[in-house]
Amino acid sequence: MVVAALAVAAIAVSSNVADAADEPAPRRHVVEIQKLKFVPANLEVAPGDTIVWINRDIVPHTITATDKSWDSKTIKKAGEWQMVVKGGMPGTYLCRFHPVMKAQFSIIQ
């Protein structure tokens, strides 16, 4: 009886470990701000991924959701800002100082 209970427990633990191994690890994506552009301008990300924006321009920028639900505040030259992606968040963004600078990320499940 004890041996059977231990066998069932071992199977349950190995099943949970296998399920966790099937889940992809969160990724880190880098977007460079250069020559008044976000590079790349389009990303595919998953919930839990981190996006890092690095300002390579000589002027400050922001990363601001077009609906203003999230905002980096000012990022100075050589500065960076990062954000962890959450499911359902808007992925279109721009620079408040230079509204012609636009980009987006798409959340994949």
Protein backbone atom coordinates (compact mmCIF):
# COMPACT_ATOMS: atom_id res chain seq x y z
CA MET A 1 0.00 0.00 0.00
CA VAL A 2 2.81 2.42 0.91
CA VAL A 3 4.71 1.47 -2.25
CA ALA A 4 1.62 2.15 -4.38
CA ALA A 5 1.10 5.56 -2.74
CA LEU A 6 4.74 6.47 -3.36
CA ALA A 7 4.44 5.39 -7.00
CA VAL A 8 1.35 7.55 -7.50
CA ALA A 9 3.09 10.53 -5.85
CA ALA A 10 6.17 10.06 -8.07
CA ILE A 11 4.01 9.99 -11.20
CA ALA A 12 2.18 13.15 -10.12
CA VAL A 13 5.45 15.00 -9.49
CA SER A 14 6.98 13.91 -12.79
CA SER A 15 3.78 14.93 -14.60
CA ASN A 16 3.95 18.43 -13.09
CA VAL A 17 7.62 18.74 -14.03
CA ALA A 18 6.81 17.70 -17.61
CA ASP A 19 4.01 20.27 -17.80
CA ALA A 20 6.35 23.00 -16.57
CA ALA A 21 8.98 21.96 -19.14
CA ASP A 22 6.40 22.36 -21.93
CA GLU A 23 5.90 26.04 -21.04
CA PRO A 24 8.41 28.25 -22.87
CA ALA A 25 10.63 30.33 -20.64
CA PRO A 26 9.96 34.09 -20.75
CA ARG A 27 12.08 35.82 -23.38
CA ARG A 28 13.86 39.17 -23.45
CA HIS A 29 13.29 41.38 -26.50
CA VAL A 30 15.36 44.48 -27.25
CA VAL A 31 14.04 47.47 -29.19
CA GLU A 32 16.61 50.11 -30.09
CA ILE A 33 15.57 53.73 -30.55
CA GLN A 34 17.73 55.14 -33.32
CA LYS A 35 17.35 57.84 -35.95
CA LEU A 36 13.87 58.64 -34.56
CA LYS A 37 12.64 55.06 -35.10
CA PHE A 38 11.87 52.02 -32.98
CA VAL A 39 13.92 49.09 -34.32
CA PRO A 40 12.29 46.66 -34.80
CA ALA A 41 8.94 48.39 -35.25
CA ASN A 42 6.98 45.12 -34.86
CA LEU A 43 7.51 42.37 -32.30
CA GLU A 44 5.75 39.14 -31.38
CA VAL A 45 5.85 38.57 -27.63
CA ALA A 46 4.19 36.31 -25.09
CA PRO A 47 2.79 37.16 -21.67
CA GLY A 48 5.69 37.17 -19.20
CA ASP A 49 8.25 38.28 -21.80
CA THR A 50 10.28 41.41 -21.10
CA ILE A 51 10.75 44.17 -23.67
CA VAL A 52 13.75 46.46 -23.18
CA TRP A 53 13.93 49.75 -25.06
CA ILE A 54 17.37 51.37 -25.40
CA ASN A 55 17.71 54.99 -26.50
CA ARG A 56 20.57 55.22 -29.01
CA ASP A 57 19.54 58.72 -30.16
CA ILE A 58 21.04 61.96 -28.85
CA VAL A 59 17.61 63.27 -27.83
CA PRO A 60 15.22 61.98 -25.14
CA HIS A 61 12.23 59.80 -26.00
CA THR A 62 9.30 58.06 -24.33
CA ILE A 63 7.58 54.75 -24.90
CA THR A 64 3.89 55.46 -24.40
CA ALA A 65 0.88 53.26 -25.17
CA THR A 66 -1.35 54.99 -27.69
CA ASP A 67 -4.22 54.70 -25.18
CA LYS A 68 -1.85 56.09 -22.46
CA SER A 69 -2.36 53.02 -20.24
CA TRP A 70 1.40 52.65 -19.76
CA ASP A 71 4.30 55.06 -20.16
CA SER A 72 8.06 55.00 -19.67
CA LYS A 73 8.44 58.67 -18.77
CA THR A 74 11.53 60.35 -20.28
CA ILE A 75 14.37 58.12 -21.44
CA LYS A 76 17.56 60.11 -21.91
CA LYS A 77 20.39 59.40 -24.34
CA ALA A 78 21.89 55.92 -23.66
CA GLY A 79 19.09 55.24 -21.17
CA GLU A 80 16.78 52.26 -21.21
CA TRP A 81 13.40 51.16 -19.92
CA GLN A 82 11.85 47.74 -19.63
CA MET A 83 8.41 46.30 -19.20
CA VAL A 84 7.02 42.81 -18.59
CA VAL A 85 4.22 41.97 -21.05
CA LYS A 86 0.84 41.07 -19.59
CA GLY A 87 -1.93 39.38 -21.56
CA GLY A 88 -4.48 41.78 -22.99
CA MET A 89 -2.38 44.93 -22.70
CA PRO A 90 -2.36 47.29 -25.70
CA GLY A 91 0.69 46.84 -27.89
CA THR A 92 0.70 49.98 -30.00
CA TYR A 93 2.97 52.74 -28.76
CA LEU A 94 4.68 55.98 -29.74
CA CYS A 95 7.06 58.63 -28.45
CA ARG A 96 5.18 61.54 -26.86
CA PHE A 97 7.97 63.95 -27.91
CA HIS A 98 8.02 62.69 -31.50
CA PRO A 99 4.53 61.31 -32.32
CA VAL A 100 5.62 60.20 -35.80
CA MET A 101 7.63 57.48 -34.03
CA LYS A 102 5.22 54.55 -33.81
CA ALA A 103 5.60 50.82 -33.27
CA GLN A 104 3.75 47.82 -31.90
CA PHE A 105 4.02 44.42 -30.33
CA SER A 106 1.59 41.56 -30.83
CA ILE A 107 0.87 39.23 -27.95
CA ILE A 108 0.84 35.57 -28.91
CA GLN A 109 -0.46 32.90 -26.59
